[in-house]
N, C-alpha and C. Protein backbone atom coordinates (compact mmCIF):
# COMPACT_ATOMS: atom_id res chain seq x y z
N MET A 1 0.64 29.53 21.72
CA MET A 1 1.16 28.16 20.71
C MET A 1 2.05 28.73 19.91
N SER A 2 3.30 27.93 19.72
CA SER A 2 3.61 28.17 18.30
C SER A 2 2.70 27.79 17.36
N GLN A 3 3.09 28.02 15.73
CA GLN A 3 2.39 27.84 14.78
C GLN A 3 3.01 26.62 13.87
N ASN A 4 2.32 26.16 12.97
CA ASN A 4 2.99 24.96 12.36
C ASN A 4 3.03 25.39 10.98
N ASP A 5 3.59 26.10 10.75
CA ASP A 5 4.24 27.12 9.45
C ASP A 5 5.45 26.30 9.42
N ASP A 6 6.24 25.67 9.96
CA ASP A 6 7.57 24.86 9.34
C ASP A 6 7.32 23.44 9.84
N TYR A 7 5.97 22.94 9.68
CA TYR A 7 5.70 21.53 9.74
C TYR A 7 6.48 20.95 9.01
N ILE A 8 6.85 19.58 9.49
CA ILE A 8 7.56 18.70 8.77
C ILE A 8 6.97 17.37 8.64
N PRO A 9 6.65 17.10 7.68
CA PRO A 9 5.91 15.75 7.32
C PRO A 9 6.95 14.32 7.74
N ALA A 10 6.56 13.26 7.85
CA ALA A 10 7.40 12.04 7.95
C ALA A 10 8.84 12.05 7.33
N MET A 11 8.61 12.26 6.03
CA MET A 11 9.54 12.03 5.03
C MET A 11 10.41 13.17 4.71
N GLY A 12 10.12 14.24 5.16
CA GLY A 12 10.63 15.53 5.21
C GLY A 12 9.64 16.42 3.71
N ASN A 13 8.87 15.55 3.33
CA ASN A 13 8.04 16.38 2.22
C ASN A 13 6.88 15.26 1.80
N PHE A 14 5.53 15.85 1.84
CA PHE A 14 4.23 15.16 1.74
C PHE A 14 4.45 14.16 0.31
N SER A 15 5.35 14.41 -0.78
CA SER A 15 5.34 13.71 -1.67
C SER A 15 6.00 12.46 -1.30
N LEU A 16 6.93 12.28 -0.48
CA LEU A 16 7.23 11.05 0.01
C LEU A 16 6.71 10.36 0.97
N THR A 17 5.74 10.58 1.34
CA THR A 17 4.58 9.88 2.49
C THR A 17 4.57 8.33 2.03
N PHE A 18 4.48 7.99 0.70
CA PHE A 18 4.42 6.51 0.37
C PHE A 18 5.79 5.59 0.69
N LEU A 19 6.67 6.31 0.96
CA LEU A 19 7.99 5.62 1.02
C LEU A 19 8.27 5.56 2.50
N TYR A 20 7.27 5.86 3.50
CA TYR A 20 7.47 6.00 4.74
C TYR A 20 7.69 4.75 5.70
N ASP A 21 6.69 3.96 5.39
CA ASP A 21 6.51 2.41 5.58
C ASP A 21 7.57 1.52 5.47
N PRO A 22 7.93 1.60 3.96
CA PRO A 22 9.07 0.72 3.47
C PRO A 22 10.30 0.85 4.22
N LEU A 23 10.68 2.50 4.38
CA LEU A 23 11.83 2.53 5.32
C LEU A 23 12.12 2.58 6.29
N MET A 24 10.93 2.48 7.20
CA MET A 24 10.72 2.19 8.26
C MET A 24 11.02 0.85 8.69
N HIS A 25 10.56 0.04 7.81
CA HIS A 25 10.55 -1.77 7.93
C HIS A 25 11.87 -2.09 7.62
N LEU A 26 12.48 -1.62 6.38
CA LEU A 26 13.91 -2.26 5.91
C LEU A 26 14.85 -1.47 6.94
N ALA A 27 15.38 -0.37 6.73
CA ALA A 27 16.16 0.67 7.65
C ALA A 27 16.20 0.75 8.72
N MET A 28 15.06 0.57 9.70
CA MET A 28 14.87 1.20 10.84
C MET A 28 14.85 0.17 11.84
N ARG A 29 14.46 -1.14 11.50
CA ARG A 29 14.03 -2.37 11.98
C ARG A 29 12.82 -2.10 12.98
N GLU A 30 12.05 -1.19 12.42
CA GLU A 30 10.50 -1.06 12.96
C GLU A 30 10.06 -1.65 14.18
N ALA A 31 9.55 -2.75 13.75
CA ALA A 31 9.15 -3.72 14.38
C ALA A 31 9.97 -4.05 15.80
N ALA A 32 11.38 -4.11 16.02
CA ALA A 32 12.07 -4.52 17.12
C ALA A 32 11.74 -3.52 17.80
N PHE A 33 12.27 -1.92 17.37
CA PHE A 33 12.68 -1.18 18.43
C PHE A 33 11.14 -0.41 18.93
N LYS A 34 10.14 -0.73 18.21
CA LYS A 34 8.68 -0.43 18.62
C LYS A 34 8.52 -1.42 19.38
N GLY A 35 8.65 -2.78 19.16
CA GLY A 35 8.29 -3.65 20.51
C GLY A 35 8.94 -3.57 21.76
N ARG A 36 10.02 -2.99 21.66
CA ARG A 36 10.86 -2.57 22.93
C ARG A 36 10.35 -1.69 23.50
N LEU A 37 9.94 -0.49 22.68
CA LEU A 37 9.32 0.61 23.38
C LEU A 37 7.75 0.29 24.20
N ILE A 38 7.26 -0.78 23.55
CA ILE A 38 5.81 -1.42 24.08
C ILE A 38 5.88 -2.20 25.37
N GLU A 39 7.04 -2.74 25.29
CA GLU A 39 7.34 -3.46 26.71
C GLU A 39 7.86 -2.93 27.76
N GLN A 40 8.75 -1.64 27.45
CA GLN A 40 8.93 -0.70 28.38
C GLN A 40 7.94 0.08 28.89
N ALA A 41 6.79 0.21 28.35
CA ALA A 41 5.74 0.75 28.68
C ALA A 41 4.92 0.07 29.51
N ARG A 42 5.16 -1.20 30.01
CA ARG A 42 4.19 -2.09 30.83
C ARG A 42 2.75 -1.74 31.15
N LEU A 43 2.37 -1.87 29.71
CA LEU A 43 0.68 -1.60 29.62
C LEU A 43 -0.05 -2.65 30.45
N ALA A 44 -1.36 -2.32 31.13
CA ALA A 44 -2.00 -3.03 31.82
C ALA A 44 -3.70 -3.11 31.23
N PRO A 45 -4.44 -4.00 31.48
CA PRO A 45 -5.68 -3.99 30.73
C PRO A 45 -6.53 -2.37 31.20
N ARG A 46 -7.20 -2.03 30.15
CA ARG A 46 -8.23 -0.97 30.58
C ARG A 46 -7.60 0.33 30.64
N GLN A 47 -6.07 0.27 30.45
CA GLN A 47 -5.63 1.65 30.43
C GLN A 47 -5.87 2.24 29.13
N ARG A 48 -5.61 3.65 29.05
CA ARG A 48 -5.87 4.84 28.19
C ARG A 48 -4.67 5.21 27.29
N VAL A 49 -4.03 4.94 26.13
CA VAL A 49 -2.70 4.90 25.60
C VAL A 49 -2.96 5.84 24.51
N LEU A 50 -1.79 7.07 24.56
CA LEU A 50 -1.89 7.75 23.58
C LEU A 50 -0.73 7.71 22.38
N ASP A 51 -0.60 7.55 21.45
CA ASP A 51 0.55 7.59 20.57
C ASP A 51 0.68 8.80 19.86
N VAL A 52 1.52 9.68 20.39
CA VAL A 52 1.90 11.16 19.91
C VAL A 52 2.50 11.26 18.52
N GLY A 53 2.30 11.78 17.09
CA GLY A 53 3.09 11.71 16.42
C GLY A 53 2.99 10.12 15.71
N CYS A 54 1.56 9.73 15.51
CA CYS A 54 1.41 8.11 15.34
C CYS A 54 1.72 8.08 13.82
N GLY A 55 1.73 8.82 12.85
CA GLY A 55 2.12 8.65 11.56
C GLY A 55 1.10 7.67 10.80
N THR A 56 1.69 6.56 9.95
CA THR A 56 0.89 5.52 9.52
C THR A 56 0.27 4.69 10.58
N GLY A 57 0.32 4.72 12.06
CA GLY A 57 -0.28 4.00 12.74
C GLY A 57 0.30 2.58 12.87
N THR A 58 1.36 2.29 12.85
CA THR A 58 2.17 0.99 13.04
C THR A 58 2.48 0.93 14.56
N LEU A 59 2.71 1.69 15.17
CA LEU A 59 2.84 1.64 16.56
C LEU A 59 1.45 1.50 17.19
N ALA A 60 0.44 2.46 17.23
CA ALA A 60 -0.78 2.06 17.74
C ALA A 60 -1.15 0.84 17.43
N VAL A 61 -1.12 0.07 16.28
CA VAL A 61 -1.77 -1.18 15.85
C VAL A 61 -0.90 -2.28 16.62
N MET A 62 0.59 -2.01 16.72
CA MET A 62 1.39 -3.03 17.72
C MET A 62 0.82 -3.08 19.29
N ILE A 63 0.73 -2.07 19.74
CA ILE A 63 0.08 -1.89 20.92
C ILE A 63 -1.19 -2.52 21.19
N LYS A 64 -2.27 -2.06 20.29
CA LYS A 64 -3.46 -2.98 20.17
C LYS A 64 -3.44 -4.58 20.29
N LEU A 65 -2.40 -5.13 19.21
CA LEU A 65 -2.37 -6.43 19.14
C LEU A 65 -1.57 -7.02 20.48
N ALA A 66 -0.51 -6.37 20.99
CA ALA A 66 -0.10 -6.81 22.27
C ALA A 66 -0.91 -6.35 23.69
N ASN A 67 -1.76 -5.73 23.46
CA ASN A 67 -2.45 -5.49 24.59
C ASN A 67 -3.98 -5.19 24.27
N PRO A 68 -4.54 -6.02 23.89
CA PRO A 68 -6.23 -6.21 23.40
C PRO A 68 -7.36 -5.49 23.90
N GLU A 69 -6.87 -5.42 25.55
CA GLU A 69 -7.96 -4.70 26.54
C GLU A 69 -7.69 -3.17 26.89
N VAL A 70 -6.38 -2.60 26.14
CA VAL A 70 -6.22 -1.34 26.45
C VAL A 70 -6.96 -0.24 25.30
N GLU A 71 -6.99 0.78 25.51
CA GLU A 71 -7.82 1.89 24.53
C GLU A 71 -6.47 2.86 23.82
N VAL A 72 -6.30 2.69 22.75
CA VAL A 72 -5.20 3.08 22.01
C VAL A 72 -5.92 4.36 20.92
N VAL A 73 -5.29 5.83 21.34
CA VAL A 73 -5.66 6.93 20.44
C VAL A 73 -4.31 7.11 19.99
N GLY A 74 -4.35 7.47 18.70
CA GLY A 74 -3.35 8.12 18.11
C GLY A 74 -3.67 9.67 17.72
N LEU A 75 -2.50 10.27 17.40
CA LEU A 75 -2.63 12.12 17.18
C LEU A 75 -1.65 12.12 16.21
N ASP A 76 -1.77 13.03 15.22
CA ASP A 76 -0.79 13.45 14.02
C ASP A 76 -1.37 14.70 13.52
N GLY A 77 -0.53 15.60 13.09
CA GLY A 77 -0.78 16.59 12.49
C GLY A 77 -1.04 16.18 10.85
N ASP A 78 -0.63 15.28 10.12
CA ASP A 78 -0.09 15.08 9.17
C ASP A 78 -1.82 14.37 8.27
N GLU A 79 -2.65 15.06 8.07
CA GLU A 79 -3.95 14.41 7.13
C GLU A 79 -3.63 13.44 6.34
N LYS A 80 -2.68 13.20 5.23
CA LYS A 80 -2.34 12.27 4.35
C LYS A 80 -1.85 11.02 5.12
N ILE A 81 -1.19 11.15 6.19
CA ILE A 81 -0.44 10.01 6.79
C ILE A 81 -1.67 9.55 7.74
N LEU A 82 -2.45 10.24 8.07
CA LEU A 82 -3.44 9.71 9.14
C LEU A 82 -4.31 8.83 7.79
N ALA A 83 -4.56 9.09 6.89
CA ALA A 83 -5.52 8.62 5.62
C ALA A 83 -4.88 6.97 5.67
N VAL A 84 -3.57 6.61 5.81
CA VAL A 84 -2.62 5.40 5.74
C VAL A 84 -3.10 4.80 6.77
N ALA A 85 -3.09 5.08 8.18
CA ALA A 85 -3.00 4.85 9.39
C ALA A 85 -4.87 4.25 9.48
N GLN A 86 -5.71 4.88 8.82
CA GLN A 86 -7.08 4.42 8.73
C GLN A 86 -7.04 3.31 7.95
N LYS A 87 -6.56 3.40 6.88
CA LYS A 87 -6.73 2.04 6.14
C LYS A 87 -5.99 1.02 6.73
N LYS A 88 -5.07 1.22 7.59
CA LYS A 88 -4.74 -0.04 8.08
C LYS A 88 -5.62 -0.71 9.29
N ILE A 89 -6.17 0.27 10.01
CA ILE A 89 -7.39 -0.36 10.82
C ILE A 89 -8.43 -1.05 10.54
N ALA A 90 -8.96 -0.29 9.37
CA ALA A 90 -10.06 -0.90 8.49
C ALA A 90 -9.91 -1.94 8.24
N LYS A 91 -8.54 -2.49 7.57
CA LYS A 91 -8.10 -3.76 7.37
C LYS A 91 -8.25 -4.92 8.38
N SER A 92 -7.60 -4.35 9.62
CA SER A 92 -7.41 -5.18 10.60
C SER A 92 -8.69 -5.19 11.74
N GLY A 93 -9.85 -4.43 11.30
CA GLY A 93 -11.00 -4.25 12.37
C GLY A 93 -10.64 -4.01 13.82
N MET A 94 -9.49 -3.27 13.90
CA MET A 94 -9.38 -2.99 15.21
C MET A 94 -10.03 -1.86 15.65
N GLN A 95 -10.33 -1.35 16.93
CA GLN A 95 -10.78 -0.06 17.46
C GLN A 95 -9.96 0.70 18.07
N ILE A 96 -9.33 1.61 17.06
CA ILE A 96 -8.32 2.53 17.62
C ILE A 96 -8.69 3.82 16.80
N THR A 97 -8.77 5.04 17.76
CA THR A 97 -9.17 6.11 17.40
C THR A 97 -8.00 7.02 16.83
N PHE A 98 -8.05 7.81 15.69
CA PHE A 98 -6.85 8.69 15.33
C PHE A 98 -7.48 10.15 15.13
N ASP A 99 -6.70 11.12 15.67
CA ASP A 99 -7.17 12.70 15.53
C ASP A 99 -5.84 13.50 15.16
N LYS A 100 -6.59 14.18 14.48
CA LYS A 100 -5.75 15.17 13.89
C LYS A 100 -5.42 16.41 14.47
N ALA A 101 -4.35 16.52 15.19
CA ALA A 101 -4.22 18.11 15.90
C ALA A 101 -2.32 17.82 15.87
N MET A 102 -1.66 19.03 16.46
CA MET A 102 -0.49 19.18 16.65
C MET A 102 -0.18 18.96 17.89
N SER A 103 1.14 17.98 18.01
CA SER A 103 1.56 17.60 19.54
C SER A 103 1.70 18.51 20.33
N PHE A 104 1.72 20.06 20.05
CA PHE A 104 2.06 21.18 21.16
C PHE A 104 0.66 21.65 21.66
N ASP A 105 -0.38 21.37 20.73
CA ASP A 105 -1.96 22.05 21.07
C ASP A 105 -3.13 20.71 21.12
N MET A 106 -2.81 19.88 21.84
CA MET A 106 -3.81 18.45 21.67
C MET A 106 -5.32 18.93 22.30
N PRO A 107 -6.02 18.06 21.68
CA PRO A 107 -7.66 18.34 21.80
C PRO A 107 -8.41 17.53 23.14
N TYR A 108 -7.13 17.48 23.69
CA TYR A 108 -7.71 16.65 25.06
C TYR A 108 -7.92 17.12 26.53
N SER A 109 -8.59 16.75 27.53
CA SER A 109 -8.87 17.32 28.59
C SER A 109 -7.52 16.86 29.25
N ASP A 110 -7.39 17.23 30.40
CA ASP A 110 -6.31 17.02 31.45
C ASP A 110 -6.52 15.72 32.07
N ASP A 111 -5.41 15.14 32.36
CA ASP A 111 -5.46 13.78 33.06
C ASP A 111 -6.39 12.40 32.10
N GLU A 112 -6.14 12.69 31.07
CA GLU A 112 -6.90 11.52 30.06
C GLU A 112 -5.84 10.30 29.93
N PHE A 113 -4.97 10.13 30.09
CA PHE A 113 -4.34 8.89 29.79
C PHE A 113 -3.51 8.43 30.63
N ASP A 114 -3.28 7.20 30.69
CA ASP A 114 -2.45 6.46 31.49
C ASP A 114 -0.87 6.37 31.20
N ARG A 115 -0.87 6.40 29.91
CA ARG A 115 0.48 6.10 29.21
C ARG A 115 0.54 6.88 28.08
N VAL A 116 1.54 7.45 27.46
CA VAL A 116 1.98 8.53 26.38
C VAL A 116 2.93 7.78 25.57
N LEU A 117 3.06 7.23 24.31
CA LEU A 117 4.04 6.96 23.68
C LEU A 117 4.33 7.61 22.40
N SER A 118 5.31 7.52 22.27
CA SER A 118 5.65 8.20 21.11
C SER A 118 7.35 7.87 20.45
N SER A 119 7.16 7.73 18.82
CA SER A 119 8.47 6.90 18.35
C SER A 119 9.06 7.90 17.26
N ILE A 120 9.84 8.25 16.83
CA ILE A 120 10.57 9.06 16.04
C ILE A 120 9.96 10.01 15.47
N MET A 121 9.57 10.73 16.53
CA MET A 121 8.48 12.19 15.77
C MET A 121 9.20 13.28 16.51
N ILE A 122 9.71 13.34 17.52
CA ILE A 122 9.91 14.35 18.49
C ILE A 122 11.21 15.02 18.06
N HIS A 123 12.02 14.59 17.10
CA HIS A 123 12.87 15.37 16.36
C HIS A 123 12.46 16.18 15.68
N HIS A 124 11.38 15.93 14.70
CA HIS A 124 10.34 16.87 13.70
C HIS A 124 10.24 18.18 14.50
N LEU A 125 10.36 18.29 15.59
CA LEU A 125 9.73 19.40 16.24
C LEU A 125 10.98 20.57 16.66
N SER A 126 10.58 21.85 16.35
CA SER A 126 11.65 22.88 16.87
C SER A 126 11.94 23.04 18.15
N ALA A 127 12.87 23.29 18.75
CA ALA A 127 13.26 23.32 20.34
C ALA A 127 12.20 23.74 21.25
N GLU A 128 11.52 25.34 20.59
CA GLU A 128 10.44 25.51 21.41
C GLU A 128 9.00 24.44 21.24
N ASN A 129 8.88 24.18 20.46
CA ASN A 129 7.53 22.98 20.49
C ASN A 129 7.96 21.55 20.88
N LYS A 130 9.34 21.25 21.03
CA LYS A 130 9.51 20.26 22.01
C LYS A 130 9.44 20.49 23.40
N VAL A 131 9.74 21.77 23.73
CA VAL A 131 8.97 21.62 25.51
C VAL A 131 7.51 22.02 25.63
N LEU A 132 6.83 22.89 24.62
CA LEU A 132 5.63 22.84 24.44
C LEU A 132 4.73 21.19 24.49
N THR A 133 5.19 20.63 23.42
CA THR A 133 4.74 19.38 23.24
C THR A 133 5.03 18.39 24.77
N PHE A 134 6.03 18.42 25.37
CA PHE A 134 6.15 17.42 26.72
C PHE A 134 5.27 18.55 27.69
N LYS A 135 5.25 19.52 27.68
CA LYS A 135 4.05 20.23 28.65
C LYS A 135 2.78 19.71 28.21
N GLU A 136 2.57 19.44 27.07
CA GLU A 136 0.95 18.84 26.70
C GLU A 136 0.83 17.71 27.08
N ILE A 137 1.76 16.87 26.71
CA ILE A 137 1.87 15.22 27.25
C ILE A 137 1.58 15.14 28.90
N PHE A 138 2.64 16.29 29.83
CA PHE A 138 2.30 16.04 30.91
C PHE A 138 0.96 16.34 31.43
N ARG A 139 0.51 17.65 30.72
CA ARG A 139 -1.16 18.02 31.02
C ARG A 139 -2.06 16.87 30.91
N VAL A 140 -1.91 15.88 29.82
CA VAL A 140 -2.70 14.91 29.51
C VAL A 140 -2.87 13.74 30.08
N LEU A 141 -1.56 13.64 30.91
CA LEU A 141 -1.33 12.22 31.58
C LEU A 141 -2.11 12.33 32.73
N LYS A 142 -2.71 11.32 33.21
CA LYS A 142 -3.16 11.12 34.63
C LYS A 142 -1.87 11.41 35.60
N PRO A 143 -2.05 11.57 37.05
CA PRO A 143 -1.38 11.41 37.95
C PRO A 143 -0.67 10.12 38.35
N GLY A 144 0.59 10.05 38.28
CA GLY A 144 1.00 8.50 38.41
C GLY A 144 1.34 7.85 36.80
N GLY A 145 0.82 8.71 35.82
CA GLY A 145 1.09 8.29 34.33
C GLY A 145 2.51 8.51 33.98
N GLU A 146 2.78 7.83 32.97
CA GLU A 146 4.23 7.74 32.51
C GLU A 146 4.21 7.90 30.55
N VAL A 147 5.27 8.58 30.51
CA VAL A 147 5.66 8.81 29.05
C VAL A 147 6.77 8.18 28.44
N HIS A 148 6.88 7.36 27.22
CA HIS A 148 7.70 6.54 27.07
C HIS A 148 8.52 7.23 25.43
N ILE A 149 9.40 7.41 25.18
CA ILE A 149 9.98 8.19 24.02
C ILE A 149 10.72 7.10 23.41
N ALA A 150 10.61 6.91 21.90
CA ALA A 150 11.82 6.43 21.29
C ALA A 150 12.04 7.34 20.10
N ASP A 151 13.53 7.76 20.23
CA ASP A 151 13.50 8.88 19.28
C ASP A 151 15.27 9.17 19.03
N PHE A 152 15.61 9.51 17.69
CA PHE A 152 16.94 9.57 17.62
C PHE A 152 17.81 10.52 18.66
N ALA A 153 18.83 9.84 19.20
CA ALA A 153 19.67 10.30 20.53
C ALA A 153 21.08 10.31 19.89
N ALA A 154 21.65 10.80 20.81
CA ALA A 154 23.17 10.89 20.87
C ALA A 154 24.05 9.82 20.50
N SER A 155 24.56 9.32 19.68
CA SER A 155 25.11 8.19 19.05
C SER A 155 26.51 7.87 20.01
N ARG A 156 26.82 6.48 19.85
CA ARG A 156 27.80 6.02 20.63
C ARG A 156 28.59 5.07 19.67
N GLY A 157 30.08 5.28 19.74
CA GLY A 157 30.77 4.56 18.89
C GLY A 157 30.74 5.08 17.62
N GLN A 158 31.82 4.41 16.67
CA GLN A 158 32.21 4.60 15.25
C GLN A 158 31.13 4.67 14.57
N MET A 159 30.23 3.53 14.27
CA MET A 159 29.24 3.49 13.61
C MET A 159 27.95 4.00 13.81
N GLY A 160 27.71 4.64 15.16
CA GLY A 160 26.87 5.32 15.64
C GLY A 160 26.98 6.74 15.19
N HIS A 161 28.59 7.01 14.85
CA HIS A 161 28.64 8.48 14.46
C HIS A 161 28.51 8.59 12.97
N LEU A 162 28.57 7.56 12.26
CA LEU A 162 28.39 7.35 10.83
C LEU A 162 26.66 7.67 10.68
N ALA A 163 26.08 6.76 11.41
CA ALA A 163 24.73 6.46 11.31
C ALA A 163 24.08 8.21 11.42
N SER A 164 24.73 8.93 12.31
CA SER A 164 24.24 9.98 12.77
C SER A 164 24.44 11.12 11.59
N HIS A 165 25.24 11.05 11.03
CA HIS A 165 25.83 11.98 9.86
C HIS A 165 24.86 11.66 8.58
N MET A 166 24.56 10.25 8.50
CA MET A 166 23.17 10.13 7.38
C MET A 166 21.84 10.87 7.82
N ILE A 167 21.60 10.71 9.02
CA ILE A 167 20.28 11.43 9.51
C ILE A 167 20.12 13.03 9.30
N ASN A 168 21.54 13.38 9.63
CA ASN A 168 21.80 14.96 9.47
C ASN A 168 21.51 15.44 8.22
N LEU A 169 21.63 14.27 7.18
CA LEU A 169 21.44 15.00 5.96
C LEU A 169 20.03 14.69 5.68
N LEU A 170 19.08 13.96 6.15
CA LEU A 170 17.67 14.02 6.18
C LEU A 170 16.54 14.59 6.72
N ILE A 171 17.67 15.18 7.98
CA ILE A 171 16.45 16.22 8.86
C ILE A 171 16.69 17.80 8.57
N PRO A 172 15.69 18.27 8.08
CA PRO A 172 16.03 19.59 7.91
C PRO A 172 16.73 20.44 8.89
N LEU A 173 17.61 21.66 8.89
CA LEU A 173 18.56 22.37 9.89
C LEU A 173 17.28 22.83 10.81
N GLY A 174 17.75 22.95 11.76
CA GLY A 174 17.07 23.75 13.06
C GLY A 174 16.05 22.84 13.38
N HIS A 175 15.90 21.50 13.13
CA HIS A 175 15.23 20.04 13.71
C HIS A 175 15.99 18.85 14.17
N GLN A 176 17.08 19.04 13.93
CA GLN A 176 17.85 18.18 14.13
C GLN A 176 18.08 17.91 16.06
N PRO A 177 18.00 16.45 16.39
CA PRO A 177 18.22 16.45 17.96
C PRO A 177 19.30 17.50 18.51
N LYS A 178 19.14 18.57 19.30
CA LYS A 178 20.23 19.24 19.77
C LYS A 178 19.80 19.19 21.28
N ASP A 179 18.66 19.38 21.99
CA ASP A 179 18.49 19.66 23.36
C ASP A 179 18.41 17.94 23.70
N SER A 180 19.39 18.00 24.70
CA SER A 180 18.71 16.44 25.23
C SER A 180 17.40 16.46 26.05
N LEU A 181 16.67 14.83 25.76
CA LEU A 181 15.33 15.04 26.32
C LEU A 181 15.44 14.89 27.81
N MET A 182 16.74 14.48 28.22
CA MET A 182 16.99 14.53 29.75
C MET A 182 16.86 15.82 30.34
N GLU A 183 17.24 16.80 29.60
CA GLU A 183 16.87 18.21 30.01
C GLU A 183 15.37 18.86 29.94
N ILE A 184 14.83 18.49 28.68
CA ILE A 184 13.59 18.79 28.23
C ILE A 184 12.55 18.44 29.32
N MET A 185 12.35 17.31 29.48
CA MET A 185 11.34 16.53 29.95
C MET A 185 11.25 17.09 31.48
N PRO A 186 12.09 17.31 32.16
CA PRO A 186 11.90 17.67 33.66
C PRO A 186 11.50 19.07 33.75
N ARG A 187 11.91 20.15 32.84
CA ARG A 187 11.68 21.32 32.97
C ARG A 187 9.70 21.09 32.32
N ALA A 188 9.39 20.30 31.66
CA ALA A 188 8.04 20.20 31.35
C ALA A 188 6.99 19.68 32.64
N GLY A 189 7.80 19.37 33.88
CA GLY A 189 7.21 19.03 35.18
C GLY A 189 7.50 17.28 35.26
N PHE A 190 8.12 16.62 34.21
CA PHE A 190 8.20 15.17 34.82
C PHE A 190 9.50 14.94 35.76
N SER A 191 9.00 13.66 36.41
CA SER A 191 9.92 13.38 37.38
C SER A 191 10.52 11.98 36.97
N ASP A 192 11.75 11.38 37.87
CA ASP A 192 12.31 10.40 37.51
C ASP A 192 12.68 9.81 36.29
N VAL A 193 13.26 11.15 35.16
CA VAL A 193 13.51 10.99 33.86
C VAL A 193 14.70 9.86 33.83
N LYS A 194 14.34 8.95 32.89
CA LYS A 194 15.59 8.07 32.80
C LYS A 194 15.87 7.86 31.23
N ASP A 195 17.16 7.78 30.71
CA ASP A 195 17.75 7.17 29.77
C ASP A 195 17.62 5.66 29.70
N HIS A 196 16.75 5.21 28.93
CA HIS A 196 16.55 3.59 28.74
C HIS A 196 17.46 2.91 27.78
N GLY A 197 18.49 3.53 27.37
CA GLY A 197 19.28 2.59 26.66
C GLY A 197 19.26 3.02 24.81
N ARG A 198 20.20 2.42 24.20
CA ARG A 198 20.21 2.68 22.75
C ARG A 198 19.55 1.67 21.81
N PHE A 199 19.41 1.88 20.50
CA PHE A 199 19.17 0.99 19.52
C PHE A 199 19.53 1.42 18.19
N PHE A 200 20.42 0.55 17.35
CA PHE A 200 21.14 1.14 16.28
C PHE A 200 20.58 0.99 15.24
N THR A 201 20.30 1.56 14.13
CA THR A 201 19.48 1.45 12.70
C THR A 201 20.46 2.36 12.05
N LEU A 202 20.47 1.81 10.63
CA LEU A 202 21.26 2.13 9.51
C LEU A 202 21.00 4.19 9.36
N PHE A 203 20.03 4.55 10.06
CA PHE A 203 19.59 5.84 9.71
C PHE A 203 19.86 6.67 11.13
N GLY A 204 20.19 6.15 11.82
CA GLY A 204 20.64 6.80 13.36
C GLY A 204 20.48 5.96 14.37
N THR A 205 20.98 6.27 15.78
CA THR A 205 20.64 5.82 16.74
C THR A 205 19.57 6.20 17.76
N ILE A 206 18.70 5.03 18.14
CA ILE A 206 17.49 5.57 18.53
C ILE A 206 17.46 5.44 20.15
N GLY A 207 17.28 6.40 20.88
CA GLY A 207 17.28 6.39 22.26
C GLY A 207 15.89 6.21 22.94
N PHE A 208 15.98 5.34 24.07
CA PHE A 208 14.75 5.35 24.85
C PHE A 208 14.50 6.29 26.18
N PHE A 209 13.64 6.79 26.30
CA PHE A 209 13.33 7.76 27.44
C PHE A 209 12.10 7.66 28.22
N ILE A 210 11.99 7.61 29.44
CA ILE A 210 11.04 7.46 30.35
C ILE A 210 10.95 8.76 31.05
N GLY A 211 9.39 9.17 31.43
CA GLY A 211 9.42 9.99 32.09
C GLY A 211 7.98 9.67 33.37
N LYS A 212 7.92 10.27 34.39
CA LYS A 212 6.79 9.96 35.30
C LYS A 212 5.77 11.41 35.85
N LYS A 213 4.67 11.47 35.77
CA LYS A 213 3.83 12.20 36.18
C LYS A 213 3.33 11.87 37.56
N LEU A 214 4.20 12.58 38.80
CA LEU A 214 3.77 12.14 40.15
C LEU A 214 2.44 12.26 40.47
N ALA A 215 1.93 10.94 41.17
CA ALA A 215 0.54 10.90 41.65
C ALA A 215 -0.12 12.30 42.51
N ASP A 216 0.98 12.90 42.93
CA ASP A 216 0.60 13.65 43.86
C ASP A 216 0.73 15.15 43.02
N GLY A 217 0.87 15.35 41.68
CA GLY A 217 0.36 16.49 40.73
C GLY A 217 1.95 16.92 40.66
């Protein structure tokens, strides 16, 4: 497994973590695109759902609010941002588990989750760790399970290209989205991989992607 020597926190710098939630809310239309991701996942009661790169826990909380009967687990490698997530659920009284670990080395057994979701995290990973992360997601998904991703993707149109330029200034070199998830996900074992559309924000175009783990393995 790769090491996390080049780990990039949510805002590119640990000292800027406090800006993450306000920026996501104001510039990224967070509730709208994360709500779309949750709808796309088609969750059902008693399913186990993993939020990879859960950050401050906004997506995990939204999942639980929309689907009270699912079990939600959040995973992130940033201890400081997980502390923010813990405060959120402490106020809400929800039952959500948060674990500290890297996405490419998850502390879960095989076939544990019905769905894996991730929003605006994959672009932080190096090319190698993107592949390793999807292999780990494939491993922890149950046969017949699905992964649902929302992350920066190829832009469409003039405004999209302008937004991409802005995000290129924010994301450190070497971690900008280069390899298409449509190429990476099949290499990790996923079938029926689909590009599920785009969503425009001030800081880049978000793409939605789906992959399935076949029931026969």
